[in-house]
Each structure stands twice: as C-alpha cells, then as structure tokens.
C-alpha cells in the first residue's frame, strides 16, 4: 500500500504546483483585460456624450468667394461642454485638411450643450461645384455638403 501512496502523493503535489502557476497567469491576464476595458469604457463614454450638428443652410451661401472664407454654424447637441478652439477641430474641405480655422462662440462664452459656434475657414479658394466639409470634434464626425456657384 505504501508503494501506491508515495507516487500518488508526488502527482498530487505536482498537480497543485501546476494549478497554482496557471491560476497566477490567469489572474494576471484577467486583471489586464479588466484594466483595458475600464480605459476603453471611459473613451466610449466620452464619445457617446459628444455630438455636434452643422446647422447652416447649404443653400444660403456659406462660401464667400470675394474673401475666400467658408463659414458654417455648428451646434453642440451632446451632453458635455466641448473645446471652442481651433485646435479642438479637424476640418476637411474637398478632401483637403484645413489649418486656417477660427472659432467664435455665438451664444455665450463656452461651447456648452445647445450652444452654437461659428466655424470659419479662411484662405480657402474654391471653384464652382459641389463640396463636402467634414468636421471632427473629440471623435464625433459630421459631414456638411454644399455648393459653390
């Protein structure tokens, strides 16, 4: 009987050591995944609370050819205050990234929910035709289509 119990005891101890090693790796992996989900959840929460809408009328002549300016009104339809600085926006007009952008808060001093800003792209020469303007703020993207006569 002693012949059977010694190898069984050795196998039992070996299996406990292996199980402890595997559980340590699993705990480390689960902790890493949990941390990643927490970080991503915060990013998704910010994106969900961020929403904008271009409210300019495309038929109203948003482009001033005499001064090479493009002006549109953008409303904060989300749940949080957004940055009202030119660095807070990515603007693409006709497939070209625009850097000469000025921002003016129309109603108030901050771009709070339900407030409107005037977004002006300067030094932009557009010929006659149809254009798309893409406005990106904190991950929210809005496309505005207009025509230059």
Protein backbone atom coordinates (compact mmCIF):
# COMPACT_ATOMS: atom_id res chain seq x y z
CA UNK A 1 0.00 0.00 0.00
CA UNK A 2 2.91 2.32 0.66
CA UNK A 3 4.06 1.72 -2.90
CA UNK A 4 0.90 3.28 -4.31
CA UNK A 5 0.56 6.23 -1.91
CA UNK A 6 4.04 7.76 -2.50
CA UNK A 7 3.65 8.18 -6.30
CA UNK A 8 0.09 9.41 -5.78
CA UNK A 9 1.32 11.97 -3.26
CA UNK A 10 4.04 13.15 -5.69
CA UNK A 11 1.46 13.50 -8.52
CA UNK A 12 -0.93 15.34 -6.18
CA UNK A 13 1.77 17.83 -5.12
CA UNK A 14 2.84 18.33 -8.75
CA UNK A 15 -0.75 19.00 -9.82
CA UNK A 16 -1.17 21.56 -7.01
CA UNK A 17 2.03 23.37 -8.11
CA UNK A 18 0.87 23.43 -11.77
CA UNK A 19 -2.60 24.65 -10.77
CA UNK A 20 -1.09 27.46 -8.68
CA UNK A 21 1.09 28.56 -11.61
CA UNK A 22 -1.82 28.51 -14.06
CA UNK A 23 -4.08 30.43 -11.67
CA UNK A 24 -1.38 33.10 -11.24
CA UNK A 25 -1.17 33.59 -15.03
CA UNK A 26 -4.96 33.68 -15.33
CA UNK A 27 -5.31 36.27 -12.57
CA UNK A 28 -2.69 38.48 -14.25
CA UNK A 29 -4.43 38.13 -17.64
CA UNK A 30 -7.89 38.88 -16.24
CA UNK A 31 -6.54 41.94 -14.40
CA UNK A 32 -5.00 43.26 -17.64
CA UNK A 33 -8.22 42.72 -19.59
CA UNK A 34 -10.27 44.40 -16.85
CA UNK A 35 -7.96 47.42 -16.86
CA UNK A 36 -8.19 47.71 -20.65
CA UNK A 37 -11.98 47.54 -20.53
CA UNK A 38 -12.10 50.29 -17.90
CA UNK A 39 -9.95 52.59 -20.04
CA UNK A 40 -11.91 51.86 -23.22
CA UNK A 41 -15.18 52.34 -21.35
CA UNK A 42 -14.12 55.86 -20.38
CA UNK A 43 -13.26 56.66 -24.01
CA UNK A 44 -16.58 55.29 -25.24
CA UNK A 45 -18.45 57.26 -22.58
CA UNK A 46 -16.79 60.47 -23.79
CA UNK A 47 -17.64 59.67 -27.42
CA UNK A 48 -21.25 58.87 -26.57
CA UNK A 49 -21.69 62.16 -24.71
CA UNK A 50 -20.12 64.11 -27.63
CA UNK A 51 -22.40 65.08 -30.50
CA UNK A 52 -22.40 68.01 -32.93
CA UNK A 53 -24.63 69.08 -35.78
CA UNK A 54 -23.86 71.51 -38.62
CA UNK A 55 -26.96 73.71 -38.70
CA UNK A 56 -26.05 76.06 -41.57
CA UNK A 57 -28.27 76.06 -44.63
CA UNK A 58 -26.23 74.80 -47.60
CA UNK A 59 -28.38 76.92 -49.93
CA UNK A 60 -27.62 80.13 -48.01
CA UNK A 61 -24.16 80.66 -49.47
CA UNK A 62 -21.74 79.52 -46.80
CA UNK A 63 -18.75 80.35 -49.05
CA UNK A 64 -17.60 83.95 -49.59
CA UNK A 65 -15.59 83.89 -52.82
CA UNK A 66 -14.54 87.53 -52.53
CA UNK A 67 -12.68 86.87 -49.25
CA UNK A 68 -12.03 83.12 -49.71
CA UNK A 69 -13.85 82.30 -46.45
CA UNK A 70 -16.13 79.39 -45.60
CA UNK A 71 -18.40 79.92 -42.56
CA UNK A 72 -20.75 77.39 -41.00
CA UNK A 73 -22.69 77.22 -37.76
CA UNK A 74 -22.22 74.13 -35.59
CA UNK A 75 -24.44 73.23 -32.64
CA UNK A 76 -23.34 71.18 -29.64
CA UNK A 77 -26.12 68.58 -29.40
CA UNK A 78 -24.23 66.38 -26.96
CA UNK A 79 -24.21 66.22 -23.18
CA UNK A 80 -20.88 67.87 -22.36
CA UNK A 81 -19.02 71.13 -22.92
CA UNK A 82 -16.68 70.94 -25.92
CA UNK A 83 -13.47 72.87 -26.66
CA UNK A 84 -14.19 76.02 -28.65
CA UNK A 85 -10.66 76.43 -30.01
CA UNK A 86 -9.35 75.88 -33.49
CA UNK A 87 -7.07 73.13 -32.16
CA UNK A 88 -10.10 71.17 -30.96
CA UNK A 89 -11.33 70.56 -34.51
CA UNK A 90 -10.28 68.59 -37.55
CA UNK A 91 -11.70 70.20 -40.68
CA UNK A 92 -11.56 68.65 -44.15
CA UNK A 93 -12.99 70.54 -47.13
CA UNK A 94 -12.96 68.99 -50.58
CA UNK A 95 -10.53 66.31 -49.43
CA UNK A 96 -8.01 68.84 -48.07
CA UNK A 97 -7.17 69.21 -44.37
CA UNK A 98 -7.67 72.82 -43.28
CA UNK A 99 -5.48 74.59 -40.73
CA UNK A 100 -6.68 78.21 -41.04
CA UNK A 101 -9.71 77.80 -38.80
CA UNK A 102 -11.23 80.31 -36.38
CA UNK A 103 -13.95 79.59 -33.84
CA UNK A 104 -16.41 82.07 -32.37
CA UNK A 105 -18.99 81.07 -29.73
CA UNK A 106 -22.24 82.69 -30.88
CA UNK A 107 -24.28 82.38 -27.68
CA UNK A 108 -22.16 82.50 -24.57
CA UNK A 109 -18.50 82.18 -23.72
CA UNK A 110 -18.19 78.37 -23.76
CA UNK A 111 -19.46 75.74 -26.18
CA UNK A 112 -21.92 74.14 -23.78
CA UNK A 113 -24.70 71.75 -24.79
CA UNK A 114 -27.23 73.50 -27.06
CA UNK A 115 -24.82 76.41 -27.76
CA UNK A 116 -23.73 77.32 -31.28
CA UNK A 117 -20.35 78.28 -32.68
CA UNK A 118 -19.40 79.90 -35.96
CA UNK A 119 -16.63 77.94 -37.60
CA UNK A 120 -14.73 79.95 -40.26
CA UNK A 121 -12.13 78.51 -42.62
CA UNK A 122 -10.02 81.33 -44.07
CA UNK A 123 -7.76 81.47 -47.12
CA UNK A 124 -9.64 78.71 -48.93
CA UNK A 125 -10.11 79.15 -52.68
CA UNK A 126 -12.96 77.02 -54.01
CA UNK A 127 -14.06 76.84 -57.62
CA UNK A 128 -17.65 76.19 -58.71
CA UNK A 129 -19.01 72.78 -57.81
CA UNK A 130 -20.20 70.51 -55.04
CA UNK A 131 -18.14 70.12 -51.86
CA UNK A 132 -18.12 68.18 -48.63
CA UNK A 133 -16.93 69.61 -45.35
CA UNK A 134 -16.12 67.13 -42.60
CA UNK A 135 -15.99 68.43 -39.02
CA UNK A 136 -14.49 66.16 -36.34
CA UNK A 137 -14.62 67.02 -32.62
CA UNK A 138 -13.48 64.51 -29.99
CA UNK A 139 -14.27 61.54 -32.21
CA UNK A 140 -17.67 62.78 -33.42
CA UNK A 141 -17.76 63.35 -37.16
CA UNK A 142 -20.28 65.44 -39.08
CA UNK A 143 -20.41 65.84 -42.87
CA UNK A 144 -21.85 69.01 -44.45
CA UNK A 145 -22.49 69.16 -48.20
CA UNK A 146 -22.71 72.50 -50.01
CA UNK A 147 -22.44 74.00 -53.49
CA UNK A 148 -20.28 76.87 -54.71
CA UNK A 149 -21.78 78.77 -57.66
